[in-house]
Amino acid sequence: MIPERLKAARLRANLTQEQLGVRAGIAEDTAYSRLSQYESGTHKPTFKMVCAFARVLNVPECYFYTVDDSFAEALLKLYDGEVVQWNMKAGELLLIQKVYRRLFVFMNSKEKYS
């Protein structure tokens, strides 16, 4: 899921591959090629690099890893502070609540250290 979501988030942020790479801490001379490799799935970024992309793109890290596309979109809305209605089975609801709690804790700690 990382390649597709990375490209979608980058385009949503209106950044080139090189711009995103440089802002995430990749050397300017290799930023374009590395982002191209990540977006094509040729190479997989480390979790630390995914966290850097998430910071630059203002999305939660889990956005890059979730399998369900509609859930990924719901995560973005939650991250932006929107209220999200989700239709799912009881087990899936528990999972969403756990993710939401972790996201809430993360966002609060992010504000504390900004």
N, C-alpha and C. Protein backbone atom coordinates (compact mmCIF):
# COMPACT_ATOMS: atom_id res chain seq x y z
N MET A 1 0.81 -1.20 0.00
CA MET A 1 0.00 0.00 0.00
C MET A 1 0.86 1.27 0.00
N ILE A 2 2.08 1.15 0.45
CA ILE A 2 2.92 2.34 0.56
C ILE A 2 3.08 3.06 -0.79
N PRO A 3 3.41 2.37 -1.88
CA PRO A 3 3.63 3.10 -3.14
C PRO A 3 2.43 3.95 -3.58
N GLU A 4 1.25 3.35 -3.58
CA GLU A 4 0.06 4.08 -4.04
C GLU A 4 -0.28 5.23 -3.11
N ARG A 5 -0.24 4.98 -1.83
CA ARG A 5 -0.60 6.02 -0.85
C ARG A 5 0.43 7.14 -0.83
N LEU A 6 1.69 6.79 -0.98
CA LEU A 6 2.75 7.81 -0.99
C LEU A 6 2.53 8.77 -2.16
N LYS A 7 2.28 8.21 -3.32
CA LYS A 7 2.05 9.05 -4.50
C LYS A 7 0.79 9.89 -4.33
N ALA A 8 -0.29 9.28 -3.84
CA ALA A 8 -1.54 10.02 -3.66
C ALA A 8 -1.37 11.18 -2.68
N ALA A 9 -0.69 10.92 -1.56
CA ALA A 9 -0.48 11.97 -0.56
C ALA A 9 0.44 13.07 -1.10
N ARG A 10 1.44 12.67 -1.86
CA ARG A 10 2.36 13.66 -2.44
C ARG A 10 1.62 14.56 -3.43
N LEU A 11 0.80 13.96 -4.29
CA LEU A 11 0.04 14.75 -5.25
C LEU A 11 -0.97 15.65 -4.55
N ARG A 12 -1.60 15.12 -3.49
CA ARG A 12 -2.55 15.92 -2.72
C ARG A 12 -1.85 17.14 -2.09
N ALA A 13 -0.58 16.96 -1.70
CA ALA A 13 0.20 18.06 -1.12
C ALA A 13 0.81 18.96 -2.19
N ASN A 14 0.61 18.59 -3.45
CA ASN A 14 1.12 19.37 -4.58
C ASN A 14 2.64 19.51 -4.55
N LEU A 15 3.33 18.39 -4.28
CA LEU A 15 4.79 18.37 -4.24
C LEU A 15 5.33 17.47 -5.33
N THR A 16 6.50 17.80 -5.84
CA THR A 16 7.18 16.90 -6.77
C THR A 16 7.87 15.81 -5.94
N GLN A 17 8.33 14.78 -6.62
CA GLN A 17 9.06 13.73 -5.92
C GLN A 17 10.31 14.30 -5.27
N GLU A 18 11.01 15.15 -5.99
CA GLU A 18 12.24 15.74 -5.45
C GLU A 18 11.94 16.62 -4.23
N GLN A 19 10.91 17.43 -4.30
CA GLN A 19 10.56 18.30 -3.17
C GLN A 19 10.24 17.48 -1.92
N LEU A 20 9.44 16.44 -2.09
CA LEU A 20 9.09 15.61 -0.94
C LEU A 20 10.34 14.95 -0.36
N GLY A 21 11.16 14.40 -1.23
CA GLY A 21 12.37 13.74 -0.77
C GLY A 21 13.28 14.65 0.03
N VAL A 22 13.51 15.84 -0.49
CA VAL A 22 14.39 16.80 0.18
C VAL A 22 13.79 17.22 1.52
N ARG A 23 12.50 17.51 1.55
CA ARG A 23 11.85 17.92 2.80
C ARG A 23 11.84 16.81 3.84
N ALA A 24 11.89 15.56 3.37
CA ALA A 24 11.91 14.42 4.28
C ALA A 24 13.32 14.05 4.72
N GLY A 25 14.32 14.76 4.19
CA GLY A 25 15.69 14.53 4.63
C GLY A 25 16.56 13.73 3.69
N ILE A 26 16.10 13.49 2.47
CA ILE A 26 16.90 12.78 1.48
C ILE A 26 17.76 13.80 0.74
N ALA A 27 18.99 13.43 0.44
CA ALA A 27 19.90 14.33 -0.28
C ALA A 27 19.28 14.75 -1.61
N GLU A 28 19.46 16.01 -1.95
CA GLU A 28 18.84 16.55 -3.16
C GLU A 28 19.23 15.79 -4.42
N ASP A 29 20.47 15.33 -4.51
CA ASP A 29 20.92 14.66 -5.73
C ASP A 29 20.31 13.27 -5.92
N THR A 30 19.73 12.69 -4.86
CA THR A 30 19.11 11.36 -4.99
C THR A 30 17.62 11.36 -4.67
N ALA A 31 17.08 12.50 -4.26
CA ALA A 31 15.68 12.57 -3.82
C ALA A 31 14.70 12.10 -4.89
N TYR A 32 14.86 12.60 -6.11
CA TYR A 32 13.92 12.23 -7.17
C TYR A 32 13.94 10.73 -7.44
N SER A 33 15.13 10.16 -7.59
CA SER A 33 15.21 8.73 -7.94
C SER A 33 14.71 7.85 -6.79
N ARG A 34 15.02 8.22 -5.55
CA ARG A 34 14.54 7.41 -4.43
C ARG A 34 13.03 7.45 -4.31
N LEU A 35 12.44 8.64 -4.47
CA LEU A 35 10.98 8.73 -4.41
C LEU A 35 10.34 7.96 -5.55
N SER A 36 10.94 8.03 -6.71
CA SER A 36 10.44 7.28 -7.85
C SER A 36 10.45 5.78 -7.56
N GLN A 37 11.52 5.31 -6.94
CA GLN A 37 11.62 3.89 -6.58
C GLN A 37 10.61 3.50 -5.51
N TYR A 38 10.38 4.37 -4.54
CA TYR A 38 9.38 4.09 -3.50
C TYR A 38 7.98 4.06 -4.09
N GLU A 39 7.67 5.01 -4.97
CA GLU A 39 6.33 5.09 -5.54
C GLU A 39 6.07 3.97 -6.55
N SER A 40 7.10 3.46 -7.16
CA SER A 40 6.91 2.35 -8.11
C SER A 40 6.93 1.00 -7.41
N GLY A 41 7.36 0.99 -6.16
CA GLY A 41 7.44 -0.27 -5.41
C GLY A 41 8.74 -1.02 -5.65
N THR A 42 9.68 -0.41 -6.37
CA THR A 42 10.98 -1.04 -6.62
C THR A 42 11.74 -1.22 -5.32
N HIS A 43 11.68 -0.21 -4.45
CA HIS A 43 12.30 -0.26 -3.13
C HIS A 43 11.27 0.13 -2.09
N LYS A 44 11.46 -0.35 -0.87
CA LYS A 44 10.53 -0.07 0.22
C LYS A 44 11.22 0.86 1.23
N PRO A 45 10.57 1.99 1.57
CA PRO A 45 11.17 2.89 2.55
C PRO A 45 11.14 2.29 3.95
N THR A 46 12.09 2.69 4.78
CA THR A 46 12.09 2.24 6.17
C THR A 46 10.93 2.91 6.89
N PHE A 47 10.58 2.37 8.06
CA PHE A 47 9.52 2.99 8.85
C PHE A 47 9.90 4.42 9.22
N LYS A 48 11.15 4.64 9.53
CA LYS A 48 11.62 5.98 9.87
C LYS A 48 11.40 6.94 8.70
N MET A 49 11.66 6.47 7.49
CA MET A 49 11.46 7.30 6.31
C MET A 49 9.97 7.55 6.08
N VAL A 50 9.14 6.52 6.29
CA VAL A 50 7.69 6.70 6.16
C VAL A 50 7.20 7.75 7.16
N CYS A 51 7.75 7.73 8.37
CA CYS A 51 7.38 8.74 9.37
C CYS A 51 7.77 10.13 8.91
N ALA A 52 8.91 10.26 8.26
CA ALA A 52 9.33 11.56 7.72
C ALA A 52 8.39 12.01 6.62
N PHE A 53 8.00 11.10 5.75
CA PHE A 53 7.03 11.44 4.70
C PHE A 53 5.71 11.88 5.32
N ALA A 54 5.25 11.14 6.33
CA ALA A 54 3.99 11.47 6.99
C ALA A 54 4.04 12.88 7.58
N ARG A 55 5.16 13.22 8.21
CA ARG A 55 5.32 14.55 8.80
C ARG A 55 5.23 15.63 7.72
N VAL A 56 5.96 15.44 6.63
CA VAL A 56 5.97 16.44 5.55
C VAL A 56 4.60 16.54 4.89
N LEU A 57 3.95 15.40 4.69
CA LEU A 57 2.67 15.37 3.99
C LEU A 57 1.47 15.61 4.90
N ASN A 58 1.73 15.73 6.21
CA ASN A 58 0.68 15.96 7.20
C ASN A 58 -0.41 14.87 7.15
N VAL A 59 0.05 13.63 7.19
CA VAL A 59 -0.86 12.48 7.27
C VAL A 59 -0.35 11.56 8.39
N PRO A 60 -1.23 10.74 8.97
CA PRO A 60 -0.76 9.81 9.99
C PRO A 60 0.05 8.68 9.34
N GLU A 61 1.02 8.17 10.07
CA GLU A 61 1.87 7.11 9.54
C GLU A 61 1.06 5.89 9.11
N CYS A 62 0.03 5.58 9.88
CA CYS A 62 -0.77 4.38 9.59
C CYS A 62 -1.49 4.47 8.25
N TYR A 63 -1.65 5.68 7.72
CA TYR A 63 -2.28 5.86 6.41
C TYR A 63 -1.56 5.05 5.33
N PHE A 64 -0.25 4.95 5.44
CA PHE A 64 0.53 4.26 4.43
C PHE A 64 0.43 2.74 4.52
N TYR A 65 -0.02 2.23 5.66
CA TYR A 65 0.00 0.79 5.89
C TYR A 65 -1.36 0.10 5.87
N THR A 66 -2.44 0.84 6.01
CA THR A 66 -3.75 0.20 6.06
C THR A 66 -4.12 -0.35 4.68
N VAL A 67 -4.78 -1.49 4.67
CA VAL A 67 -5.10 -2.18 3.42
C VAL A 67 -6.34 -1.59 2.75
N ASP A 68 -7.34 -1.26 3.54
CA ASP A 68 -8.63 -0.80 3.02
C ASP A 68 -8.56 0.68 2.61
N ASP A 69 -8.86 0.97 1.36
CA ASP A 69 -8.79 2.34 0.86
C ASP A 69 -9.77 3.28 1.54
N SER A 70 -10.99 2.79 1.78
CA SER A 70 -11.98 3.66 2.43
C SER A 70 -11.57 3.95 3.88
N PHE A 71 -10.93 2.98 4.53
CA PHE A 71 -10.43 3.21 5.88
C PHE A 71 -9.29 4.23 5.86
N ALA A 72 -8.44 4.15 4.85
CA ALA A 72 -7.35 5.12 4.72
C ALA A 72 -7.91 6.53 4.58
N GLU A 73 -8.96 6.68 3.78
CA GLU A 73 -9.58 8.00 3.63
C GLU A 73 -10.21 8.46 4.93
N ALA A 74 -10.82 7.53 5.68
CA ALA A 74 -11.39 7.87 6.98
C ALA A 74 -10.30 8.32 7.95
N LEU A 75 -9.15 7.66 7.90
CA LEU A 75 -8.02 8.06 8.75
C LEU A 75 -7.60 9.49 8.47
N LEU A 76 -7.55 9.85 7.19
CA LEU A 76 -7.17 11.22 6.84
C LEU A 76 -8.17 12.23 7.40
N LYS A 77 -9.45 11.89 7.31
CA LYS A 77 -10.48 12.78 7.85
C LYS A 77 -10.36 12.90 9.36
N LEU A 78 -10.15 11.77 10.04
CA LEU A 78 -9.98 11.80 11.49
C LEU A 78 -8.76 12.64 11.86
N TYR A 79 -7.70 12.47 11.12
CA TYR A 79 -6.46 13.21 11.38
C TYR A 79 -6.66 14.71 11.23
N ASP A 80 -7.56 15.07 10.31
CA ASP A 80 -7.87 16.49 10.10
C ASP A 80 -8.93 17.00 11.07
N GLY A 81 -9.38 16.12 11.98
CA GLY A 81 -10.33 16.54 13.01
C GLY A 81 -11.79 16.40 12.62
N GLU A 82 -12.06 15.77 11.49
CA GLU A 82 -13.45 15.58 11.08
C GLU A 82 -14.07 14.41 11.83
N VAL A 83 -15.39 14.44 11.94
CA VAL A 83 -16.13 13.32 12.51
C VAL A 83 -16.42 12.35 11.37
N VAL A 84 -16.15 11.09 11.61
CA VAL A 84 -16.30 10.09 10.56
C VAL A 84 -17.29 9.02 11.01
N GLN A 85 -18.25 8.73 10.14
CA GLN A 85 -19.18 7.63 10.41
C GLN A 85 -18.68 6.43 9.63
N TRP A 86 -18.61 5.30 10.31
CA TRP A 86 -18.05 4.11 9.69
C TRP A 86 -18.99 2.94 9.90
N ASN A 87 -19.38 2.26 8.84
CA ASN A 87 -20.24 1.09 8.95
C ASN A 87 -19.38 -0.15 8.89
N MET A 88 -19.42 -0.92 9.97
CA MET A 88 -18.57 -2.11 10.02
C MET A 88 -19.08 -3.10 11.04
N LYS A 89 -18.43 -4.24 11.06
CA LYS A 89 -18.75 -5.28 12.03
C LYS A 89 -18.17 -4.89 13.39
N ALA A 90 -18.65 -5.52 14.44
CA ALA A 90 -18.22 -5.19 15.81
C ALA A 90 -16.71 -5.31 15.98
N GLY A 91 -16.10 -6.35 15.43
CA GLY A 91 -14.66 -6.53 15.56
C GLY A 91 -13.88 -5.43 14.88
N GLU A 92 -14.37 -5.00 13.73
CA GLU A 92 -13.71 -3.92 13.01
C GLU A 92 -13.85 -2.60 13.78
N LEU A 93 -15.01 -2.42 14.43
CA LEU A 93 -15.21 -1.21 15.22
C LEU A 93 -14.21 -1.13 16.36
N LEU A 94 -13.95 -2.24 17.02
CA LEU A 94 -12.96 -2.25 18.10
C LEU A 94 -11.59 -1.86 17.57
N LEU A 95 -11.25 -2.36 16.41
CA LEU A 95 -9.97 -2.02 15.80
C LEU A 95 -9.88 -0.52 15.50
N ILE A 96 -10.95 0.04 14.97
CA ILE A 96 -10.99 1.47 14.67
C ILE A 96 -10.83 2.28 15.95
N GLN A 97 -11.50 1.85 17.01
CA GLN A 97 -11.40 2.58 18.27
C GLN A 97 -9.97 2.56 18.79
N LYS A 98 -9.29 1.43 18.66
CA LYS A 98 -7.89 1.34 19.10
C LYS A 98 -7.01 2.28 18.27
N VAL A 99 -7.21 2.27 16.97
CA VAL A 99 -6.42 3.14 16.09
C VAL A 99 -6.71 4.60 16.42
N TYR A 100 -7.98 4.92 16.64
CA TYR A 100 -8.35 6.30 16.95
C TYR A 100 -7.69 6.75 18.25
N ARG A 101 -7.71 5.89 19.27
CA ARG A 101 -7.08 6.24 20.54
C ARG A 101 -5.59 6.51 20.35
N ARG A 102 -4.93 5.64 19.60
CA ARG A 102 -3.50 5.83 19.36
C ARG A 102 -3.24 7.11 18.57
N LEU A 103 -4.08 7.37 17.60
CA LEU A 103 -3.95 8.59 16.81
C LEU A 103 -4.17 9.81 17.69
N PHE A 104 -5.15 9.75 18.58
CA PHE A 104 -5.43 10.85 19.50
C PHE A 104 -4.23 11.12 20.40
N VAL A 105 -3.65 10.06 20.95
CA VAL A 105 -2.47 10.20 21.80
C VAL A 105 -1.31 10.79 21.00
N PHE A 106 -1.12 10.28 19.78
CA PHE A 106 -0.05 10.78 18.93
C PHE A 106 -0.23 12.27 18.63
N MET A 107 -1.46 12.65 18.27
CA MET A 107 -1.71 14.05 17.92
C MET A 107 -1.49 14.95 19.13
N ASN A 108 -1.88 14.51 20.30
CA ASN A 108 -1.67 15.32 21.50
C ASN A 108 -0.19 15.46 21.82
N SER A 109 0.56 14.39 21.64
CA SER A 109 2.00 14.47 21.91
C SER A 109 2.68 15.33 20.85
N LYS A 110 2.17 15.30 19.63
CA LYS A 110 2.71 16.11 18.54
C LYS A 110 2.54 17.59 18.87
N GLU A 111 1.36 17.97 19.40
CA GLU A 111 1.11 19.36 19.77
C GLU A 111 2.02 19.79 20.91
N LYS A 112 2.27 18.88 21.82
CA LYS A 112 3.09 19.18 22.99
C LYS A 112 4.52 19.51 22.59
N TYR A 113 5.02 18.85 21.55
CA TYR A 113 6.42 19.01 21.15
C TYR A 113 6.60 19.92 19.94
N SER A 114 5.53 20.54 19.49
CA SER A 114 5.64 21.44 18.32
C SER A 114 6.18 22.79 18.73
